[in-house]
Protein backbone atom coordinates (compact mmCIF):
# COMPACT_ATOMS: atom_id res chain seq x y z
CA MET A 1 59.43 32.26 121.04
CA LYS A 2 57.16 33.66 118.35
CA HIS A 3 56.36 31.38 115.39
CA LEU A 4 57.26 32.90 112.01
CA ASP A 5 54.93 32.12 109.16
CA VAL A 6 57.10 32.19 106.02
CA SER A 7 55.76 31.26 102.60
CA ARG A 8 57.67 29.29 100.00
CA ARG A 9 57.42 32.30 97.69
CA ALA A 10 59.04 34.60 100.30
CA VAL A 11 61.93 32.18 100.80
CA THR A 12 62.45 31.81 97.05
CA ARG A 13 62.34 35.57 96.58
CA ALA A 14 64.91 36.05 99.35
CA LEU A 15 67.23 33.44 97.86
CA VAL A 16 66.98 35.06 94.44
CA THR A 17 67.39 38.68 95.54
CA LEU A 18 70.03 38.28 98.25
CA PRO A 19 72.94 37.90 95.81
CA MET A 20 71.74 40.93 93.86
CA ILE A 21 71.76 43.07 96.99
CA ALA A 22 74.71 41.71 98.90
CA VAL A 23 77.30 41.35 96.13
CA PRO A 24 77.08 44.90 94.72
CA THR A 25 76.94 46.31 98.25
CA LEU A 26 80.07 44.44 99.27
CA ALA A 27 81.82 45.34 96.02
CA CYS A 28 81.15 49.05 96.52
CA ALA A 29 82.89 49.30 99.87
CA THR A 30 83.63 52.89 100.75
CA GLY A 31 87.01 54.10 99.57
CA VAL A 32 88.63 57.52 99.62
CA ALA A 33 86.01 60.24 99.42
CA GLY A 34 86.00 62.37 96.29
CA SER A 35 85.92 66.16 96.19
CA THR A 36 82.13 66.20 96.61
CA GLY A 37 82.24 63.84 99.58
CA GLU A 38 80.84 60.81 97.72
CA PRO A 39 82.53 57.44 98.17
CA ALA A 40 85.21 56.58 95.65
CA MET A 41 84.00 54.22 92.93
CA ASN A 42 85.15 50.64 93.07
CA MET A 43 85.91 49.64 89.46
CA HIS A 44 84.94 46.01 90.17
CA ALA A 45 81.40 46.85 91.26
CA THR A 46 79.89 46.85 87.77
CA PHE A 47 81.48 43.55 86.80
CA ILE A 48 80.50 41.83 90.03
CA SER A 49 76.95 43.22 89.81
CA ALA A 50 76.58 41.96 86.21
CA THR A 51 77.98 38.59 87.21
CA ALA A 52 75.61 38.36 90.18
CA SER A 53 72.72 39.34 87.90
CA ARG A 54 73.68 36.64 85.35
CA ALA A 55 74.13 34.04 88.10
CA ALA A 56 70.79 34.95 89.71
CA TRP A 57 69.00 34.83 86.34
CA ASP A 58 70.59 31.49 85.40
CA ALA A 59 69.68 29.97 88.78
CA ALA A 60 66.09 31.24 88.60
CA ARG A 61 65.77 30.04 84.99
CA ALA A 62 67.09 26.59 85.95
CA ARG A 63 64.53 26.32 88.77
CA TYR A 64 61.77 27.37 86.37
CA GLU A 65 62.84 24.89 83.68
CA ALA A 66 63.04 22.10 86.28
CA ALA A 67 59.51 22.92 87.45
CA ARG A 68 58.27 22.92 83.83
CA ALA A 69 59.94 19.56 83.23
CA ALA A 70 58.32 18.15 86.39
CA GLU A 71 54.93 19.38 85.22
CA ARG A 72 55.37 17.82 81.76
CA ALA A 73 56.60 14.54 83.27
CA PHE A 74 53.59 14.39 85.62
CA ASP A 75 51.23 15.20 82.78
CA ASP A 76 52.70 12.51 80.55
CA ALA A 77 53.00 9.81 83.22
CA VAL A 78 49.89 10.45 85.35
CA TRP A 79 47.48 13.20 84.36
CA ILE A 80 46.98 12.46 80.64
CA PRO A 81 46.52 8.68 81.22
CA ALA A 82 44.11 9.39 84.10
CA LYS A 83 42.04 11.73 81.95
CA ALA A 84 42.08 9.17 79.12
CA ALA A 85 40.85 6.45 81.50
CA ARG A 86 38.04 8.69 82.71
CA LYS A 87 37.09 9.57 79.14
CA ALA A 88 37.18 5.88 78.11
CA LYS A 89 34.88 5.02 81.01
CA PHE A 90 32.47 7.95 80.77
CA GLY A 91 33.03 9.55 77.37
CA GLU A 92 33.74 12.86 79.09
CA ASP A 93 37.04 14.62 79.65
CA HIS A 94 35.66 17.82 81.16
CA TRP A 95 33.95 18.73 84.40
CA LEU A 96 30.26 18.10 84.64
CA PRO A 97 28.25 20.89 86.25
CA LEU A 98 26.76 20.50 89.71
CA GLY A 99 23.45 18.71 89.51
CA HIS A 100 24.36 16.84 86.30
CA ALA A 101 22.97 13.30 86.49
CA GLY A 102 26.31 11.64 85.66
CA ARG A 103 28.43 13.61 88.10
CA PRO A 104 27.98 11.41 91.23
CA GLU A 105 29.02 8.30 89.28
CA ILE A 106 32.13 10.02 87.91
CA GLU A 107 33.05 11.36 91.35
CA ALA A 108 32.69 7.90 92.89
CA TRP A 109 34.86 6.37 90.14
CA GLU A 110 37.49 9.11 90.59
CA LYS A 111 37.59 8.45 94.34
CA VAL A 112 38.18 4.72 93.82
CA ASN A 113 40.87 5.46 91.20
CA GLY A 114 42.87 7.92 93.30
CA PHE A 115 41.97 11.15 91.56
CA GLU A 116 42.06 13.05 94.86
CA LYS A 117 45.80 12.41 95.11
CA ILE A 118 46.26 13.17 91.43
CA TYR A 119 44.44 16.51 91.77
CA ALA A 120 46.43 17.38 94.91
CA ARG A 121 49.74 16.59 93.20
CA LEU A 122 48.68 18.48 90.08
CA GLU A 123 47.96 21.53 92.23
CA GLU A 124 51.34 21.25 94.03
CA ILE A 125 53.19 21.02 90.73
CA GLY A 126 51.22 23.94 89.30
CA ASP A 127 51.94 26.07 92.39
CA ALA A 128 55.65 25.23 92.18
CA LEU A 129 55.74 26.14 88.51
CA ALA A 130 53.91 29.42 89.15
CA ASP A 131 56.25 30.29 92.03
CA THR A 132 59.36 29.66 89.95
CA GLN A 133 57.92 31.61 87.02
CA VAL A 134 57.14 34.62 89.22
CA ALA A 135 60.60 34.43 90.80
CA LEU A 136 62.19 34.34 87.33
CA LEU A 137 60.09 37.25 86.07
CA GLU A 138 61.05 39.30 89.14
CA THR A 139 64.77 38.52 88.68
CA PRO A 140 66.58 41.31 86.79
CA ALA A 141 67.24 40.34 83.18
CA PRO A 142 71.01 40.33 82.64
CA ASP A 143 70.74 40.93 78.88
CA LEU A 144 68.32 41.57 76.02
CA VAL A 145 67.75 37.84 75.43
CA ALA A 146 66.46 37.48 78.98
CA LEU A 147 64.33 40.61 78.60
CA ARG A 148 62.85 39.20 75.41
CA TRP A 149 62.02 35.97 77.27
CA LYS A 150 60.23 37.99 79.94
CA LEU A 151 58.23 39.94 77.38
CA GLU A 152 57.29 36.81 75.42
CA ASN A 153 56.14 35.12 78.61
CA THR A 154 54.05 38.02 79.90
CA ILE A 155 52.46 39.58 76.84
CA GLU A 156 49.43 37.55 75.91
CA PRO A 157 48.84 37.00 72.21
CA GLY A 158 45.63 38.64 71.24
CA ASP A 159 44.13 41.64 69.60
CA GLU A 160 45.23 44.08 72.28
CA GLY A 161 48.62 42.54 73.20
CA ASP A 162 47.93 43.15 76.87
CA ILE A 163 50.32 42.12 79.56
CA ALA A 164 48.67 39.16 81.26
CA GLN A 165 47.28 39.34 84.76
CA TRP A 166 50.71 39.89 86.29
CA CYS A 167 51.26 41.90 89.43
CA ASP A 168 52.84 45.33 89.52
CA ASP A 169 56.12 43.87 90.84
CA ILE A 170 56.59 41.95 87.60
CA ARG A 171 55.59 44.87 85.38
CA LEU A 172 57.98 47.14 87.29
CA ALA A 173 60.78 44.56 87.03
CA ILE A 174 60.33 44.46 83.24
CA VAL A 175 60.30 48.26 83.05
CA ALA A 176 63.51 48.39 85.13
CA ASP A 177 65.08 45.83 82.79
CA TYR A 178 64.38 47.71 79.60
CA GLN A 179 65.38 51.03 81.13
CA ARG A 180 68.67 49.47 82.23
CA LEU A 181 69.36 47.44 79.07
CA LEU A 182 68.11 49.72 76.29
CA PRO A 183 69.81 53.07 75.80
CA LEU A 184 67.71 56.19 75.36
CA GLU A 185 69.71 57.19 72.31
CA ALA A 186 71.57 55.06 69.81
């Protein structure tokens, strides 16, 4: 049997997109063909698709908010006190460059005080937050409020108002959202 290497991001993406693909497909079961040979329209398809979109968005948003809450809780309970302890001991709360005279002492103190585990957990929490944020940004926005959230969380404040270093999938998802949600003419 061949071993499948599946990432957490791929599983999350599948769980988020499956309802958006399966529900509209099932709702649009072929009926009586029209005069042009196309399948008859199922009047429930739009409602079910919108409901699936809302449900998928709400589920992705809940996962994102839970990941954000976990990050804040870890910061408050572990990371901020650990940084404060290091600063109290060494007067530094930033990384010292390689070759800096005080770096070996700080690294030894961090090892004794469990910073390796703290850094590892911090990275896990950050990865989980990033994964849930990407999944949410790739989930179709069910309404203009959700689209606004996407825009506010991808456009970096700055002189140029550039979209942050997001992949094409996210940019295309946002374009698809505004094309779907905003009419061409009022």
